[in-house]
Amino acid sequence: MKKKQSRKKNKSDVVSPFRNKLWDLFRDLAEGMNGADVVVALKQAGEEIWAAGIDGTYSDMPQQDQAEEPLGNAFDIAWLTVVCIKLKEIQQGKKPQVRIRA
């Protein structure tokens, strides 16, 4: 007797391809940049995600929900968006600033 597949496995994951495109954008923006600039972008993005409470919202969710790929994708998308903004600022000759603090 075959087991029924869960609905989760049958759902089409439309978010992962978008997240993957953001990773590609991140790679493209960081290519050729000074490693120290990339570190600044990563650090500031992390600080802003933390200050906005996005990481806390994610970590306060039940562990089972955190393990779901769509939720992880949503967190990745938020983080990658901020990092890409920081990298663009650096490329445009601007000194990125932490805009919010906890």
Foldseek 3Di string as FASTA:
>chain_A
DDDDDDVLVVDDDPLVVVLVVLVVLLCVLCPPPDPVLLVVLLVLLVQLCVQVCVVVVLVPDDPVVNPRVVSVSVSSVSSSVSSSVSSVCVVVVHHDDNPGHD
